[in-house]
């Protein structure tokens, strides 16, 4: 299946384009339209569902130039901020997931374009995508047939779900230790207080 507007290809069971919100056509219908000289419609502007700059990733300083070339080719505005050991690139939130997926798929090609003198230092930075310090660890195809990569760590809400149980467990251990081992009232009270606070933290 293919979108007649943006020409993206989809899995056979997908019926609408996720980007353009138009009905997909079969390859035969698409080829027939192409033979008839029908031009694809321009892709509509991206809806501003989420706005503001969001981190695209933290990159090795020697890889930033190649990453910025990809962004400039797509016409995406970006912010660059140098940090101690890496460079953080931010893009508009509506573009971030698509760009992370594209970079992940093209990362080996970008590494191959790297100057031979710079490559050993970048490759020594480790990780599964050398030179991209917070690269996505996994990806999947969503129900619209698009590649989706996992969210950056700062978008993950799991830390809030584990804080409460951790406080309950730590407070319980502290209270039992204060009662059984040390026999100190202040330690028991502190442990019970931690456990109670942990019970009220939303999960």
Protein backbone atom coordinates (compact mmCIF):
# COMPACT_ATOMS: atom_id res chain seq x y z
CA UNK A 1 0.00 0.00 0.00
CA UNK A 2 1.21 3.51 -0.78
CA UNK A 3 0.17 7.05 0.06
CA UNK A 4 -0.77 8.99 -3.11
CA UNK A 5 0.22 12.24 -1.41
CA UNK A 6 3.62 11.70 0.23
CA UNK A 7 4.49 8.39 -1.53
CA UNK A 8 5.28 6.60 1.77
CA UNK A 9 4.93 2.82 1.64
CA UNK A 10 2.91 0.90 4.23
CA UNK A 11 2.14 -2.65 5.26
CA UNK A 12 -0.70 -4.31 3.25
CA UNK A 13 -3.25 -4.11 6.11
CA UNK A 14 -2.87 -0.33 6.63
CA UNK A 15 -5.54 1.78 4.93
CA UNK A 16 -4.72 5.43 5.82
CA UNK A 17 -1.50 7.45 5.74
CA UNK A 18 -0.40 8.44 9.23
CA UNK A 19 1.24 11.68 8.03
CA UNK A 20 -1.26 12.91 5.41
CA UNK A 21 -4.49 11.33 6.72
CA UNK A 22 -5.55 10.19 3.22
CA UNK A 23 -6.62 6.75 1.96
CA UNK A 24 -3.80 4.54 0.71
CA UNK A 25 -3.83 2.94 -2.73
CA UNK A 26 -2.49 -0.39 -3.94
CA UNK A 27 0.74 -0.48 -5.93
CA UNK A 28 -1.27 -1.26 -9.09
CA UNK A 29 -3.49 1.80 -8.60
CA UNK A 30 -0.43 3.91 -7.87
CA UNK A 31 1.34 2.73 -11.04
CA UNK A 32 -1.81 3.41 -13.09
CA UNK A 33 -1.97 6.97 -11.73
CA UNK A 34 1.72 7.44 -12.48
CA UNK A 35 1.22 6.26 -16.08
CA UNK A 36 -1.66 8.72 -16.44
CA UNK A 37 0.66 11.54 -15.36
CA UNK A 38 -1.07 12.29 -12.04
CA UNK A 39 1.29 14.24 -9.79
CA UNK A 40 1.37 13.52 -6.05
CA UNK A 41 -0.11 16.20 -3.84
CA UNK A 42 2.33 17.99 -1.53
CA UNK A 43 2.44 16.65 1.99
CA UNK A 44 0.29 18.76 4.33
CA UNK A 45 1.92 20.74 7.08
CA UNK A 46 2.62 18.79 10.22
CA UNK A 47 -0.01 19.33 12.93
CA UNK A 48 1.34 21.16 15.94
CA UNK A 49 0.18 18.61 18.49
CA UNK A 50 3.23 19.15 20.65
CA UNK A 51 5.35 22.23 20.29
CA UNK A 52 8.65 23.50 21.55
CA UNK A 53 12.18 22.15 21.23
CA UNK A 54 12.79 18.63 22.52
CA UNK A 55 16.11 16.77 22.74
CA UNK A 56 16.90 14.75 19.63
CA UNK A 57 19.97 13.22 21.24
CA UNK A 58 23.44 13.62 22.74
CA UNK A 59 26.16 13.03 20.17
CA UNK A 60 29.94 12.73 20.04
CA UNK A 61 31.35 16.10 18.92
CA UNK A 62 32.81 14.52 15.78
CA UNK A 63 29.38 13.14 14.74
CA UNK A 64 27.41 16.36 15.18
CA UNK A 65 28.32 17.73 11.75
CA UNK A 66 26.90 14.64 10.02
CA UNK A 67 23.73 14.74 12.13
CA UNK A 68 23.21 18.43 11.34
CA UNK A 69 23.59 17.69 7.60
CA UNK A 70 20.63 15.28 7.87
CA UNK A 71 18.56 17.95 9.63
CA UNK A 72 19.49 20.63 7.09
CA UNK A 73 18.61 18.32 4.18
CA UNK A 74 15.14 17.91 5.68
CA UNK A 75 14.83 21.63 6.45
CA UNK A 76 14.40 21.06 10.19
CA UNK A 77 15.25 23.91 12.55
CA UNK A 78 17.49 22.83 15.40
CA UNK A 79 19.36 24.05 18.47
CA UNK A 80 22.85 22.86 19.35
CA UNK A 81 24.29 23.00 22.85
CA UNK A 82 27.84 21.88 23.62
CA UNK A 83 28.28 20.11 26.93
CA UNK A 84 31.33 18.67 28.68
CA UNK A 85 31.79 15.45 26.70
CA UNK A 86 29.01 15.60 24.12
CA UNK A 87 26.80 17.89 22.07
CA UNK A 88 23.03 17.96 22.58
CA UNK A 89 20.84 18.64 19.55
CA UNK A 90 17.20 19.71 20.02
CA UNK A 91 14.47 19.89 17.38
CA UNK A 92 10.79 20.79 17.31
CA UNK A 93 8.81 18.14 19.18
CA UNK A 94 6.69 17.22 16.15
CA UNK A 95 9.83 16.16 14.24
CA UNK A 96 11.74 14.36 16.99
CA UNK A 97 10.39 10.80 16.79
CA UNK A 98 10.60 10.64 13.00
CA UNK A 99 14.16 12.00 13.02
CA UNK A 100 15.29 9.59 15.75
CA UNK A 101 13.93 6.68 13.69
CA UNK A 102 15.66 7.93 10.53
CA UNK A 103 18.97 8.51 12.31
CA UNK A 104 18.82 5.07 13.90
CA UNK A 105 18.30 3.44 10.50
CA UNK A 106 21.06 5.51 8.83
CA UNK A 107 23.58 5.51 11.68
CA UNK A 108 25.93 2.94 10.14
CA UNK A 109 26.01 4.96 6.91
CA UNK A 110 26.81 8.13 8.87
CA UNK A 111 29.65 6.35 10.66
CA UNK A 112 31.00 5.24 7.27
CA UNK A 113 31.08 8.90 6.14
CA UNK A 114 33.20 9.86 9.16
CA UNK A 115 36.79 10.90 8.49
CA UNK A 116 39.18 7.95 9.02
CA UNK A 117 41.26 9.92 11.54
CA UNK A 118 38.22 10.64 13.71
CA UNK A 119 36.61 7.19 13.51
CA UNK A 120 38.67 5.40 16.23
CA UNK A 121 37.72 7.98 18.87
CA UNK A 122 34.03 7.83 17.94
CA UNK A 123 33.96 4.02 17.81
CA UNK A 124 35.65 3.86 21.21
CA UNK A 125 32.71 5.75 22.72
CA UNK A 126 30.88 2.41 22.75
CA UNK A 127 27.15 1.72 22.90
CA UNK A 128 25.18 0.03 20.13
CA UNK A 129 25.25 3.25 18.08
CA UNK A 130 28.79 4.51 18.58
CA UNK A 131 28.88 8.29 18.86
CA UNK A 132 25.19 8.59 19.84
CA UNK A 133 25.15 8.42 23.62
CA UNK A 134 21.40 8.17 24.19
CA UNK A 135 20.44 6.24 21.05
CA UNK A 136 17.13 4.34 21.17
CA UNK A 137 17.52 0.75 22.31
CA UNK A 138 14.49 -0.59 20.47
CA UNK A 139 11.87 0.13 17.84
CA UNK A 140 8.60 -1.25 16.53
CA UNK A 141 6.09 -0.76 13.73
CA UNK A 142 2.95 1.00 14.97
CA UNK A 143 -0.59 0.23 13.82
CA UNK A 144 -0.26 2.86 11.09
CA UNK A 145 2.77 1.03 9.66
CA UNK A 146 5.34 3.64 10.78
CA UNK A 147 8.64 2.87 12.49
CA UNK A 148 8.58 4.12 16.10
CA UNK A 149 11.66 4.19 18.32
CA UNK A 150 11.58 4.09 22.08
CA UNK A 151 11.33 7.39 23.93
CA UNK A 152 14.40 9.10 25.38
CA UNK A 153 15.03 8.46 29.08
CA UNK A 154 13.74 11.90 30.09
CA UNK A 155 10.32 11.01 28.65
CA UNK A 156 10.04 7.78 30.62
CA UNK A 157 7.66 7.98 33.55
CA UNK A 158 8.80 4.65 35.07
CA UNK A 159 10.90 6.42 37.71
CA UNK A 160 7.69 7.78 39.25
CA UNK A 161 6.13 4.34 39.32
CA UNK A 162 9.06 2.80 41.19
CA UNK A 163 9.72 5.59 43.70
CA UNK A 164 6.67 4.81 45.87
CA UNK A 165 7.34 1.07 46.24
CA UNK A 166 11.03 1.79 46.88
CA UNK A 167 10.15 4.18 49.72
CA UNK A 168 7.70 1.65 51.21
CA UNK A 169 10.32 -1.12 51.10
CA UNK A 170 13.12 1.09 52.44
CA UNK A 171 10.93 2.53 55.21
CA UNK A 172 9.78 -0.93 56.27
CA UNK A 173 13.35 -2.22 56.44
CA UNK A 174 14.43 0.86 58.42
CA UNK A 175 11.53 0.52 60.87
CA UNK A 176 12.16 -3.19 61.45
CA UNK A 177 15.90 -2.59 61.89
CA UNK A 178 15.21 0.22 64.36
CA UNK A 179 12.86 -1.99 66.34
CA UNK A 180 14.72 -5.32 66.24
CA UNK A 181 18.38 -4.35 66.01
CA UNK A 182 18.94 -0.86 67.38
CA UNK A 183 15.84 -0.36 69.53
CA UNK A 184 15.84 3.36 68.69
CA UNK A 185 12.48 5.12 68.55
CA UNK A 186 13.58 7.85 66.11
CA UNK A 187 14.70 5.26 63.55
CA UNK A 188 11.39 3.42 63.85
CA UNK A 189 9.41 6.65 63.37
CA UNK A 190 11.55 7.66 60.35
CA UNK A 191 11.03 4.22 58.76
CA UNK A 192 7.27 4.32 59.26
CA UNK A 193 7.14 7.88 57.87
CA UNK A 194 9.04 6.83 54.72
CA UNK A 195 6.72 3.87 54.20
CA UNK A 196 3.62 6.07 54.59
CA UNK A 197 4.97 8.65 52.13
CA UNK A 198 5.70 5.86 49.66
CA UNK A 199 2.09 4.65 49.90
CA UNK A 200 0.78 8.05 48.78
CA UNK A 201 3.08 8.62 45.79
CA UNK A 202 1.06 8.07 42.58
CA UNK A 203 2.02 5.10 40.41
